[in-house]
PDB file of N, CA and C in Angstrom:
ATOM      1  N   MET A   1      45.740 -23.469   9.431  1.00  0.00           N
ATOM      2  CA  MET A   1      46.761 -24.096  10.235  1.00  0.00           C
ATOM      3  C   MET A   1      48.121 -23.562   9.783  1.00  0.00           C
ATOM      4  N   TYR A   2      48.948 -23.268  10.752  1.00  0.00           N
ATOM      5  CA  TYR A   2      50.262 -22.731  10.453  1.00  0.00           C
ATOM      6  C   TYR A   2      51.220 -23.832  10.018  1.00  0.00           C
ATOM      7  N   SER A   3      52.090 -23.454   9.095  1.00  0.00           N
ATOM      8  CA  SER A   3      53.121 -24.402   8.697  1.00  0.00           C
ATOM      9  C   SER A   3      54.294 -24.299   9.677  1.00  0.00           C
ATOM     10  N   ILE A   4      55.158 -25.274   9.644  1.00  0.00           N
ATOM     11  CA  ILE A   4      56.307 -25.299  10.558  1.00  0.00           C
ATOM     12  C   ILE A   4      57.225 -24.116  10.286  1.00  0.00           C
ATOM     13  N   MET A   5      57.371 -23.746   9.030  1.00  0.00           N
ATOM     14  CA  MET A   5      58.239 -22.617   8.675  1.00  0.00           C
ATOM     15  C   MET A   5      57.697 -21.314   9.257  1.00  0.00           C
ATOM     16  N   GLN A   6      56.394 -21.123   9.240  1.00  0.00           N
ATOM     17  CA  GLN A   6      55.814 -19.911   9.810  1.00  0.00           C
ATOM     18  C   GLN A   6      56.002 -19.864  11.320  1.00  0.00           C
ATOM     19  N   ILE A   7      55.910 -21.007  11.960  1.00  0.00           N
ATOM     20  CA  ILE A   7      56.107 -21.069  13.404  1.00  0.00           C
ATOM     21  C   ILE A   7      57.554 -20.728  13.755  1.00  0.00           C
ATOM     22  N   ILE A   8      58.498 -21.269  12.997  1.00  0.00           N
ATOM     23  CA  ILE A   8      59.916 -20.986  13.244  1.00  0.00           C
ATOM     24  C   ILE A   8      60.214 -19.513  13.026  1.00  0.00           C
ATOM     25  N   LYS A   9      59.670 -18.934  11.954  1.00  0.00           N
ATOM     26  CA  LYS A   9      59.892 -17.510  11.676  1.00  0.00           C
ATOM     27  C   LYS A   9      59.309 -16.644  12.778  1.00  0.00           C
ATOM     28  N   SER A  10      58.142 -16.996  13.291  1.00  0.00           N
ATOM     29  CA  SER A  10      57.535 -16.190  14.345  1.00  0.00           C
ATOM     30  C   SER A  10      58.334 -16.301  15.643  1.00  0.00           C
ATOM     31  N   ARG A  11      58.894 -17.482  15.937  1.00  0.00           N
ATOM     32  CA  ARG A  11      59.713 -17.632  17.149  1.00  0.00           C
ATOM     33  C   ARG A  11      61.005 -16.829  17.027  1.00  0.00           C
ATOM     34  N   ILE A  12      61.598 -16.821  15.846  1.00  0.00           N
ATOM     35  CA  ILE A  12      62.811 -16.029  15.632  1.00  0.00           C
ATOM     36  C   ILE A  12      62.496 -14.541  15.771  1.00  0.00           C
ATOM     37  N   ARG A  13      61.365 -14.121  15.219  1.00  0.00           N
ATOM     38  CA  ARG A  13      60.969 -12.719  15.308  1.00  0.00           C
ATOM     39  C   ARG A  13      60.740 -12.310  16.758  1.00  0.00           C
ATOM     40  N   ILE A  14      60.100 -13.159  17.533  1.00  0.00           N
ATOM     41  CA  ILE A  14      59.845 -12.862  18.939  1.00  0.00           C
ATOM     42  C   ILE A  14      61.166 -12.766  19.709  1.00  0.00           C
ATOM     43  N   ALA A  15      62.089 -13.676  19.430  1.00  0.00           N
ATOM     44  CA  ALA A  15      63.383 -13.641  20.107  1.00  0.00           C
ATOM     45  C   ALA A  15      64.150 -12.367  19.757  1.00  0.00           C
ATOM     46  N   LEU A  16      64.098 -11.947  18.493  1.00  0.00           N
ATOM     47  CA  LEU A  16      64.776 -10.711  18.089  1.00  0.00           C
ATOM     48  C   LEU A  16      64.136  -9.490  18.728  1.00  0.00           C
ATOM     49  N   GLU A  17      62.833  -9.498  18.872  1.00  0.00           N
ATOM     50  CA  GLU A  17      62.160  -8.369  19.514  1.00  0.00           C
ATOM     51  C   GLU A  17      62.538  -8.281  20.988  1.00  0.00           C
ATOM     52  N   LYS A  18      62.721  -9.429  21.636  1.00  0.00           N
ATOM     53  CA  LYS A  18      63.115  -9.418  23.040  1.00  0.00           C
ATOM     54  C   LYS A  18      64.536  -8.888  23.214  1.00  0.00           C
ATOM     55  N   MET A  19      65.401  -9.156  22.243  1.00  0.00           N
ATOM     56  CA  MET A  19      66.793  -8.716  22.349  1.00  0.00           C
ATOM     57  C   MET A  19      67.019  -7.322  21.775  1.00  0.00           C
ATOM     58  N   ALA A  20      66.014  -6.713  21.173  1.00  0.00           N
ATOM     59  CA  ALA A  20      66.192  -5.423  20.507  1.00  0.00           C
ATOM     60  C   ALA A  20      66.607  -4.325  21.479  1.00  0.00           C
ATOM     61  N   TRP A  21      66.191  -4.404  22.724  1.00  0.00           N
ATOM     62  CA  TRP A  21      66.549  -3.365  23.683  1.00  0.00           C
ATOM     63  C   TRP A  21      68.021  -3.430  24.056  1.00  0.00           C
ATOM     64  N   LEU A  22      68.698  -4.537  23.783  1.00  0.00           N
ATOM     65  CA  LEU A  22      70.120  -4.652  24.085  1.00  0.00           C
ATOM     66  C   LEU A  22      71.011  -3.968  23.048  1.00  0.00           C
ATOM     67  N   MET A  23      70.519  -3.770  21.850  1.00  0.00           N
ATOM     68  CA  MET A  23      71.345  -3.222  20.773  1.00  0.00           C
ATOM     69  C   MET A  23      71.910  -1.843  21.091  1.00  0.00           C
ATOM     70  N   PRO A  24      71.129  -0.893  21.616  1.00  0.00           N
ATOM     71  CA  PRO A  24      71.738   0.402  21.961  1.00  0.00           C
ATOM     72  C   PRO A  24      72.798   0.277  23.062  1.00  0.00           C
ATOM     73  N   ALA A  25      72.599  -0.640  23.987  1.00  0.00           N
ATOM     74  CA  ALA A  25      73.572  -0.812  25.070  1.00  0.00           C
ATOM     75  C   ALA A  25      74.896  -1.338  24.541  1.00  0.00           C
ATOM     76  N   LEU A  26      74.878  -2.179  23.520  1.00  0.00           N
ATOM     77  CA  LEU A  26      76.115  -2.693  22.949  1.00  0.00           C
ATOM     78  C   LEU A  26      76.946  -1.584  22.316  1.00  0.00           C
ATOM     79  N   GLY A  27      76.289  -0.583  21.767  1.00  0.00           N
ATOM     80  CA  GLY A  27      77.009   0.527  21.165  1.00  0.00           C
ATOM     81  C   GLY A  27      77.654   1.448  22.195  1.00  0.00           C
ATOM     82  N   LEU A  28      77.180   1.408  23.418  1.00  0.00           N
ATOM     83  CA  LEU A  28      77.701   2.290  24.461  1.00  0.00           C
ATOM     84  C   LEU A  28      78.820   1.665  25.274  1.00  0.00           C
ATOM     85  N   THR A  29      79.076   0.401  25.066  1.00  0.00           N
ATOM     86  CA  THR A  29      80.131  -0.247  25.838  1.00  0.00           C
ATOM     87  C   THR A  29      81.494   0.146  25.292  1.00  0.00           C
ATOM     88  N   GLY A  30      82.479   0.072  26.115  1.00  0.00           N
ATOM     89  CA  GLY A  30      83.837   0.404  25.691  1.00  0.00           C
ATOM     90  C   GLY A  30      84.842  -0.367  26.511  1.00  0.00           C
ATOM     91  N   CYS A  31      86.080  -0.089  26.276  1.00  0.00           N
ATOM     92  CA  CYS A  31      87.143  -0.760  27.021  1.00  0.00           C
ATOM     93  C   CYS A  31      87.193  -0.198  28.427  1.00  0.00           C
ATOM     94  N   SER A  32      87.296  -1.071  29.408  1.00  0.00           N
ATOM     95  CA  SER A  32      87.434  -0.593  30.775  1.00  0.00           C
ATOM     96  C   SER A  32      88.845  -0.046  30.986  1.00  0.00           C
ATOM     97  N   LEU A  33      89.813  -0.758  30.496  1.00  0.00           N
ATOM     98  CA  LEU A  33      91.198  -0.300  30.539  1.00  0.00           C
ATOM     99  C   LEU A  33      91.792  -0.454  29.149  1.00  0.00           C
ATOM    100  N   SER A  34      92.421   0.586  28.685  1.00  0.00           N
ATOM    101  CA  SER A  34      93.049   0.460  27.376  1.00  0.00           C
ATOM    102  C   SER A  34      94.359  -0.295  27.533  1.00  0.00           C
ATOM    103  N   PRO A  35      94.669  -1.171  26.588  1.00  0.00           N
ATOM    104  CA  PRO A  35      95.921  -1.922  26.692  1.00  0.00           C
ATOM    105  C   PRO A  35      97.112  -1.050  26.313  1.00  0.00           C
ATOM    106  N   ALA A  36      97.548  -0.231  27.255  1.00  0.00           N
ATOM    107  CA  ALA A  36      98.683   0.654  27.021  1.00  0.00           C
ATOM    108  C   ALA A  36      99.828   0.250  27.942  1.00  0.00           C
ATOM    109  N   ILE A  37     101.029   0.400  27.445  1.00  0.00           N
ATOM    110  CA  ILE A  37     102.222   0.013  28.192  1.00  0.00           C
ATOM    111  C   ILE A  37     103.045   1.268  28.458  1.00  0.00           C
ATOM    112  N   PRO A  38     103.305   1.567  29.730  1.00  0.00           N
ATOM    113  CA  PRO A  38     104.123   2.752  30.021  1.00  0.00           C
ATOM    114  C   PRO A  38     105.609   2.478  29.776  1.00  0.00           C
ATOM    115  N   VAL A  39     106.218   3.323  28.965  1.00  0.00           N
ATOM    116  CA  VAL A  39     107.653   3.222  28.686  1.00  0.00           C
ATOM    117  C   VAL A  39     108.251   4.604  28.918  1.00  0.00           C
ATOM    118  N   ILE A  40     109.059   4.726  29.939  1.00  0.00           N
ATOM    119  CA  ILE A  40     109.739   5.974  30.303  1.00  0.00           C
ATOM    120  C   ILE A  40     108.744   7.137  30.387  1.00  0.00           C
ATOM    121  N   GLY A  41     107.648   6.920  31.060  1.00  0.00           N
ATOM    122  CA  GLY A  41     106.682   7.982  31.292  1.00  0.00           C
ATOM    123  C   GLY A  41     105.653   8.192  30.205  1.00  0.00           C
ATOM    124  N   ALA A  42     105.807   7.586  29.048  1.00  0.00           N
ATOM    125  CA  ALA A  42     104.833   7.732  27.957  1.00  0.00           C
ATOM    126  C   ALA A  42     104.081   6.407  27.795  1.00  0.00           C
ATOM    127  N   TYR A  43     102.818   6.510  27.421  1.00  0.00           N
ATOM    128  CA  TYR A  43     102.001   5.312  27.233  1.00  0.00           C
ATOM    129  C   TYR A  43     101.917   4.979  25.746  1.00  0.00           C
ATOM    130  N   TYR A  44     102.296   3.758  25.413  1.00  0.00           N
ATOM    131  CA  TYR A  44     102.236   3.281  24.034  1.00  0.00           C
ATOM    132  C   TYR A  44     101.187   2.189  23.940  1.00  0.00           C
ATOM    133  N   PRO A  45     100.463   2.130  22.823  1.00  0.00           N
ATOM    134  CA  PRO A  45      99.427   1.103  22.688  1.00  0.00           C
ATOM    135  C   PRO A  45     100.040  -0.299  22.619  1.00  0.00           C
ATOM    136  N   GLY A  46      99.307  -1.254  23.159  1.00  0.00           N
ATOM    137  CA  GLY A  46      99.794  -2.620  23.194  1.00  0.00           C
ATOM    138  C   GLY A  46      99.992  -3.220  21.818  1.00  0.00           C
ATOM    139  N   TRP A  47      99.150  -2.832  20.853  1.00  0.00           N
ATOM    140  CA  TRP A  47      99.270  -3.407  19.522  1.00  0.00           C
ATOM    141  C   TRP A  47     100.584  -3.016  18.860  1.00  0.00           C
ATOM    142  N   LEU A  48     101.144  -1.868  19.246  1.00  0.00           N
ATOM    143  CA  LEU A  48     102.418  -1.441  18.677  1.00  0.00           C
ATOM    144  C   LEU A  48     103.538  -2.401  19.072  1.00  0.00           C
ATOM    145  N   PHE A  49     103.540  -2.806  20.322  1.00  0.00           N
ATOM    146  CA  PHE A  49     104.542  -3.763  20.769  1.00  0.00           C
ATOM    147  C   PHE A  49     104.321  -5.141  20.155  1.00  0.00           C
ATOM    148  N   CYS A  50     103.060  -5.508  19.952  1.00  0.00           N
ATOM    149  CA  CYS A  50     102.775  -6.785  19.292  1.00  0.00           C
ATOM    150  C   CYS A  50     103.314  -6.782  17.861  1.00  0.00           C
ATOM    151  N   LEU A  51     103.177  -5.662  17.163  1.00  0.00           N
ATOM    152  CA  LEU A  51     103.710  -5.575  15.805  1.00  0.00           C
ATOM    153  C   LEU A  51     105.233  -5.653  15.793  1.00  0.00           C
ATOM    154  N   ILE A  52     105.870  -4.966  16.729  1.00  0.00           N
ATOM    155  CA  ILE A  52     107.333  -4.986  16.788  1.00  0.00           C
ATOM    156  C   ILE A  52     107.839  -6.391  17.087  1.00  0.00           C
ATOM    157  N   ILE A  53     107.217  -7.059  18.043  1.00  0.00           N
ATOM    158  CA  ILE A  53     107.617  -8.432  18.377  1.00  0.00           C
ATOM    159  C   ILE A  53     107.332  -9.360  17.206  1.00  0.00           C
ATOM    160  N   GLY A  54     106.210  -9.127  16.492  1.00  0.00           N
ATOM    161  CA  GLY A  54     105.897  -9.931  15.312  1.00  0.00           C
ATOM    162  C   GLY A  54     106.944  -9.791  14.222  1.00  0.00           C
ATOM    163  N   VAL A  55     107.426  -8.578  14.003  1.00  0.00           N
ATOM    164  CA  VAL A  55     108.481  -8.354  13.000  1.00  0.00           C
ATOM    165  C   VAL A  55     109.768  -9.065  13.419  1.00  0.00           C
ATOM    166  N   ILE A  56     110.133  -8.949  14.688  1.00  0.00           N
ATOM    167  CA  ILE A  56     111.366  -9.584  15.166  1.00  0.00           C
ATOM    168  C   ILE A  56     111.281 -11.103  15.032  1.00  0.00           C
ATOM    169  N   LEU A  57     110.154 -11.687  15.437  1.00  0.00           N
ATOM    170  CA  LEU A  57     110.002 -13.141  15.323  1.00  0.00           C
ATOM    171  C   LEU A  57     109.971 -13.596  13.864  1.00  0.00           C
ATOM    172  N   THR A  58     109.390 -12.770  12.988  1.00  0.00           N
ATOM    173  CA  THR A  58     109.374 -13.114  11.561  1.00  0.00           C
ATOM    174  C   THR A  58     110.781 -13.078  10.983  1.00  0.00           C
ATOM    175  N   LEU A  59     111.590 -12.103  11.378  1.00  0.00           N
ATOM    176  CA  LEU A  59     112.976 -12.042  10.897  1.00  0.00           C
ATOM    177  C   LEU A  59     113.795 -13.231  11.392  1.00  0.00           C
ATOM    178  N   ILE A  60     113.553 -13.646  12.630  1.00  0.00           N
ATOM    179  CA  ILE A  60     114.240 -14.833  13.145  1.00  0.00           C
ATOM    180  C   ILE A  60     113.812 -16.070  12.361  1.00  0.00           C
ATOM    181  N   SER A  61     112.514 -16.187  12.100  1.00  0.00           N
ATOM    182  CA  SER A  61     112.006 -17.322  11.316  1.00  0.00           C
ATOM    183  C   SER A  61     112.550 -17.298   9.897  1.00  0.00           C
ATOM    184  N   ARG A  62     112.683 -16.103   9.336  1.00  0.00           N
ATOM    185  CA  ARG A  62     113.227 -15.974   7.977  1.00  0.00           C
ATOM    186  C   ARG A  62     114.650 -16.520   7.915  1.00  0.00           C
ATOM    187  N   ARG A  63     115.455 -16.178   8.918  1.00  0.00           N
ATOM    188  CA  ARG A  63     116.828 -16.659   8.960  1.00  0.00           C
ATOM    189  C   ARG A  63     116.861 -18.189   9.026  1.00  0.00           C
ATOM    190  N   ILE A  64     115.988 -18.773   9.838  1.00  0.00           N
ATOM    191  CA  ILE A  64     115.937 -20.235   9.964  1.00  0.00           C
ATOM    192  C   ILE A  64     115.448 -20.876   8.671  1.00  0.00           C
ATOM    193  N   ILE A  65     114.414 -20.295   8.061  1.00  0.00           N
ATOM    194  CA  ILE A  65     113.847 -20.858   6.830  1.00  0.00           C
ATOM    195  C   ILE A  65     114.855 -20.776   5.680  1.00  0.00           C
ATOM    196  N   LEU A  66     115.566 -19.654   5.559  1.00  0.00           N
ATOM    197  CA  LEU A  66     116.519 -19.502   4.463  1.00  0.00           C
ATOM    198  C   LEU A  66     117.714 -20.440   4.603  1.00  0.00           C
ATOM    199  N   ASN A  67     118.062 -20.806   5.829  1.00  0.00           N
ATOM    200  CA  ASN A  67     119.141 -21.774   6.018  1.00  0.00           C
ATOM    201  C   ASN A  67     118.727 -23.168   5.548  1.00  0.00           C
ATOM    202  N   ARG A  68     117.466 -23.509   5.713  1.00  0.00           N
ATOM    203  CA  ARG A  68     117.001 -24.843   5.327  1.00  0.00           C
ATOM    204  C   ARG A  68     116.525 -24.909   3.882  1.00  0.00           C
ATOM    205  N   TYR A  69     115.829 -23.870   3.428  1.00  0.00           N
ATOM    206  CA  TYR A  69     115.260 -23.846   2.073  1.00  0.00           C
ATOM    207  C   TYR A  69     115.697 -22.564   1.367  1.00  0.00           C
ATOM    208  N   PRO A  70     116.846 -22.577   0.690  1.00  0.00           N
ATOM    209  CA  PRO A  70     117.342 -21.339   0.068  1.00  0.00           C
ATOM    210  C   PRO A  70     116.445 -20.809  -1.055  1.00  0.00           C
ATOM    211  N   SER A  71     115.791 -21.674  -1.803  1.00  0.00           N
ATOM    212  CA  SER A  71     114.902 -21.204  -2.879  1.00  0.00           C
ATOM    213  C   SER A  71     113.454 -21.482  -2.477  1.00  0.00           C
ATOM    214  N   LEU A  72     112.891 -20.544  -1.761  1.00  0.00           N
ATOM    215  CA  LEU A  72     111.543 -20.690  -1.233  1.00  0.00           C
ATOM    216  C   LEU A  72     110.546 -20.024  -2.167  1.00  0.00           C
ATOM    217  N   ALA A  73     109.517 -20.754  -2.563  1.00  0.00           N
ATOM    218  CA  ALA A  73     108.477 -20.192  -3.424  1.00  0.00           C
ATOM    219  C   ALA A  73     107.453 -19.444  -2.569  1.00  0.00           C
ATOM    220  N   LEU A  74     106.897 -18.386  -3.118  1.00  0.00           N
ATOM    221  CA  LEU A  74     105.881 -17.560  -2.462  1.00  0.00           C
ATOM    222  C   LEU A  74     106.355 -17.041  -1.104  1.00  0.00           C
ATOM    223  N   ALA A  75     107.566 -16.554  -1.056  1.00  0.00           N
ATOM    224  CA  ALA A  75     108.159 -16.096   0.205  1.00  0.00           C
ATOM    225  C   ALA A  75     107.377 -14.929   0.812  1.00  0.00           C
ATOM    226  N   SER A  76     106.892 -14.024  -0.017  1.00  0.00           N
ATOM    227  CA  SER A  76     106.179 -12.865   0.525  1.00  0.00           C
ATOM    228  C   SER A  76     104.888 -13.282   1.227  1.00  0.00           C
ATOM    229  N   VAL A  77     104.211 -14.273   0.695  1.00  0.00           N
ATOM    230  CA  VAL A  77     102.979 -14.752   1.329  1.00  0.00           C
ATOM    231  C   VAL A  77     103.302 -15.443   2.652  1.00  0.00           C
ATOM    232  N   ILE A  78     104.354 -16.234   2.654  1.00  0.00           N
ATOM    233  CA  ILE A  78     104.734 -16.966   3.858  1.00  0.00           C
ATOM    234  C   ILE A  78     105.164 -16.010   4.963  1.00  0.00           C
ATOM    235  N   TYR A  79     105.968 -15.022   4.635  1.00  0.00           N
ATOM    236  CA  TYR A  79     106.440 -14.094   5.659  1.00  0.00           C
ATOM    237  C   TYR A  79     105.315 -13.190   6.161  1.00  0.00           C
ATOM    238  N   THR A  80     104.411 -12.811   5.297  1.00  0.00           N
ATOM    239  CA  THR A  80     103.262 -12.014   5.730  1.00  0.00           C
ATOM    240  C   THR A  80     102.382 -12.825   6.672  1.00  0.00           C
ATOM    241  N   ALA A  81     102.167 -14.085   6.342  1.00  0.00           N
ATOM    242  CA  ALA A  81     101.359 -14.946   7.210  1.00  0.00           C
ATOM    243  C   ALA A  81     102.050 -15.180   8.549  1.00  0.00           C
ATOM    244  N   LEU A  82     103.356 -15.379   8.533  1.00  0.00           N
ATOM    245  CA  LEU A  82     104.094 -15.551   9.789  1.00  0.00           C
ATOM    246  C   LEU A  82     104.032 -14.292  10.643  1.00  0.00           C
ATOM    247  N   PHE A  83     104.161 -13.131  10.014  1.00  0.00           N
ATOM    248  CA  PHE A  83     104.069 -11.865  10.747  1.00  0.00           C
ATOM    249  C   PHE A  83     102.711 -11.722  11.414  1.00  0.00           C
ATOM    250  N   ALA A  84     101.644 -12.000  10.675  1.00  0.00           N
ATOM    251  CA  ALA A  84     100.296 -11.901  11.243  1.00  0.00           C
ATOM    252  C   ALA A  84     100.109 -12.923  12.367  1.00  0.00           C
ATOM    253  N   LEU A  85     100.594 -14.137  12.151  1.00  0.00           N
ATOM    254  CA  LEU A  85     100.471 -15.178  13.165  1.00  0.00           C
ATOM    255  C   LEU A  85     101.187 -14.794  14.448  1.00  0.00           C
ATOM    256  N   TYR A  86     102.424 -14.374  14.338  1.00  0.00           N
ATOM    257  CA  TYR A  86     103.193 -14.010  15.524  1.00  0.00           C
ATOM    258  C   TYR A  86     102.587 -12.808  16.249  1.00  0.00           C
ATOM    259  N   SER A  87     102.166 -11.801  15.512  1.00  0.00           N
ATOM    260  CA  SER A  87     101.590 -10.610  16.141  1.00  0.00           C
ATOM    261  C   SER A  87     100.313 -10.948  16.901  1.00  0.00           C
ATOM    262  N   MET A  88      99.461 -11.752  16.285  1.00  0.00           N
ATOM    263  CA  MET A  88      98.199 -12.110  16.945  1.00  0.00           C
ATOM    264  C   MET A  88      98.418 -13.045  18.133  1.00  0.00           C
ATOM    265  N   LEU A  89      99.396 -13.934  18.032  1.00  0.00           N
ATOM    266  CA  LEU A  89      99.693 -14.810  19.161  1.00  0.00           C
ATOM    267  C   LEU A  89     100.241 -14.024  20.350  1.00  0.00           C
ATOM    268  N   VAL A  90     101.085 -13.045  20.084  1.00  0.00           N
ATOM    269  CA  VAL A  90     101.608 -12.201  21.161  1.00  0.00           C
ATOM    270  C   VAL A  90     100.465 -11.441  21.818  1.00  0.00           C
ATOM    271  N   TRP A  91      99.526 -10.940  21.018  1.00  0.00           N
ATOM    272  CA  TRP A  91      98.376 -10.224  21.562  1.00  0.00           C
ATOM    273  C   TRP A  91      97.540 -11.146  22.447  1.00  0.00           C
ATOM    274  N   LEU A  92      97.295 -12.370  21.976  1.00  0.00           N
ATOM    275  CA  LEU A  92      96.490 -13.314  22.757  1.00  0.00           C
ATOM    276  C   LEU A  92      97.181 -13.721  24.058  1.00  0.00           C
ATOM    277  N   VAL A  93      98.479 -13.888  24.016  1.00  0.00           N
ATOM    278  CA  VAL A  93      99.188 -14.356  25.203  1.00  0.00           C
ATOM    279  C   VAL A  93      99.326 -13.250  26.244  1.00  0.00           C
ATOM    280  N   PHE A  94      99.655 -12.037  25.826  1.00  0.00           N
ATOM    281  CA  PHE A  94      99.956 -10.981  26.780  1.00  0.00           C
ATOM    282  C   PHE A  94      98.808 -10.020  27.063  1.00  0.00           C
ATOM    283  N   PHE A  95      97.785  -9.989  26.247  1.00  0.00           N
ATOM    284  CA  PHE A  95      96.676  -9.078  26.502  1.00  0.00           C
ATOM    285  C   PHE A  95      95.423  -9.882  26.595  1.00  0.00           C
TER     286      PHE A  95
END
């Protein structure tokens, strides 16, 4: 008689075997349209603009934070996190 664990393992194995034919197809997929922005006839990647906007928003936040808290501990960690947050939010909103 089979144990419950053996039955679960066999069901997982069967499910993986059914999905195995999809794995090569996943490697062949790509972007339908690249997120590029035309600026004066040249195409620039969207992530470049997200980084630039992230830097600008971080500098604005830095000015606000320094006015309220002049002696900020772990400033480099905070500004790096703000930069990443702003850049990723811009990417999510516009792309």
